[in-house]
Amino acid sequence: MRRARRRGNFFLCLLINMLLNPEGLIPAVILLVLHVWLGWPVWWAVLAAGLWILWLILWMRLIGWAGKCGSTPDPPKENKNPYSSGKS
């Protein structure tokens, strides 16, 4: 069976994950609004957005690792079926 190439563009996958998971930016947006409204430091919003991106990267790595673990072939096993082993 033909297998697809496994080498994808990391930043393209990250961008797609960012588009699929925008709810992670809610704390950063709230902190940015509080920066504009109450004068809170803007680095809180930047930190929240950075933590969201770090979480996405860690999640991508975990899913990639799980995919590699699931696609490793099993070692060959001894055929114990007497009818198909070829011995008579």
Protein backbone atom coordinates (compact mmCIF):
# COMPACT_ATOMS: atom_id res chain seq x y z
CA MET A 1 0.00 0.00 0.00
CA ARG A 2 1.29 3.41 -0.87
CA ARG A 3 1.93 5.76 2.03
CA ALA A 4 1.73 9.50 1.91
CA ARG A 5 4.75 11.57 2.75
CA ARG A 6 4.92 12.24 6.46
CA ARG A 7 6.91 15.46 6.20
CA GLY A 8 4.48 18.32 6.60
CA ASN A 9 5.12 21.96 7.16
CA PHE A 10 5.11 22.61 10.91
CA PHE A 11 4.02 26.23 10.61
CA LEU A 12 1.19 25.34 8.23
CA CYS A 13 -0.09 22.78 10.73
CA LEU A 14 0.25 25.32 13.54
CA LEU A 15 -1.68 27.90 11.54
CA ILE A 16 -4.47 25.42 10.83
CA ASN A 17 -4.62 24.50 14.52
CA MET A 18 -4.80 28.17 15.43
CA LEU A 19 -7.72 28.62 13.04
CA LEU A 20 -9.50 25.54 14.38
CA ASN A 21 -9.01 26.46 18.06
CA PRO A 22 -9.68 30.19 18.40
CA GLU A 23 -11.30 29.76 21.82
CA GLY A 24 -7.82 29.66 23.34
CA LEU A 25 -7.44 33.35 22.54
CA ILE A 26 -10.38 34.38 24.71
CA PRO A 27 -8.23 35.10 27.80
CA ALA A 28 -5.77 37.12 25.69
CA VAL A 29 -8.60 39.17 24.19
CA ILE A 30 -10.10 39.81 27.61
CA LEU A 31 -6.72 40.92 28.95
CA LEU A 32 -6.22 43.16 25.91
CA VAL A 33 -9.61 44.79 26.54
CA LEU A 34 -8.63 45.30 30.18
CA HIS A 35 -5.39 46.89 28.97
CA VAL A 36 -7.30 49.39 26.87
CA TRP A 37 -10.03 49.99 29.44
CA LEU A 38 -8.18 49.94 32.79
CA GLY A 39 -4.58 50.37 31.73
CA TRP A 40 -3.39 46.93 32.71
CA PRO A 41 0.01 45.89 31.28
CA VAL A 42 -0.24 44.59 27.73
CA TRP A 43 2.30 41.85 28.39
CA TRP A 44 -0.41 39.92 30.26
CA ALA A 45 -2.31 39.57 26.98
CA VAL A 46 0.87 38.67 25.12
CA LEU A 47 1.70 36.07 27.78
CA ALA A 48 -1.79 34.55 27.49
CA ALA A 49 -1.49 34.34 23.68
CA GLY A 50 2.00 32.83 24.00
CA LEU A 51 0.76 30.19 26.42
CA TRP A 52 -2.04 29.34 23.99
CA ILE A 53 0.45 28.89 21.13
CA LEU A 54 2.74 26.82 23.39
CA TRP A 55 -0.23 24.63 24.34
CA LEU A 56 -1.05 24.10 20.64
CA ILE A 57 2.56 23.14 19.88
CA LEU A 58 2.67 20.66 22.77
CA TRP A 59 -0.68 19.18 21.67
CA MET A 60 0.60 18.82 18.08
CA ARG A 61 3.72 17.04 19.35
CA LEU A 62 1.65 14.69 21.52
CA ILE A 63 -0.70 13.77 18.68
CA GLY A 64 2.26 13.30 16.31
CA TRP A 65 4.00 11.03 18.81
CA ALA A 66 0.81 8.99 19.33
CA GLY A 67 0.44 8.63 15.56
CA LYS A 68 4.00 7.33 15.25
CA CYS A 69 3.43 4.85 18.09
CA GLY A 70 0.27 3.56 16.48
CA SER A 71 1.82 3.03 13.07
CA THR A 72 4.81 0.89 14.10
CA PRO A 73 4.51 -2.60 12.62
CA ASP A 74 4.18 -5.61 14.90
CA PRO A 75 7.07 -8.10 14.90
CA PRO A 76 6.38 -11.27 12.92
CA LYS A 77 4.76 -14.03 14.97
CA GLU A 78 5.06 -17.78 14.70
CA ASN A 79 2.19 -19.41 12.84
CA LYS A 80 0.67 -21.97 15.22
CA ASN A 81 -2.25 -22.96 13.00
CA PRO A 82 -1.64 -26.59 11.99
CA TYR A 83 -3.71 -26.30 8.81
CA SER A 84 -1.91 -23.31 7.32
CA SER A 85 1.61 -23.80 8.64
CA GLY A 86 2.66 -25.93 5.65
CA LYS A 87 3.71 -28.91 7.78
CA SER A 88 1.88 -32.19 7.40
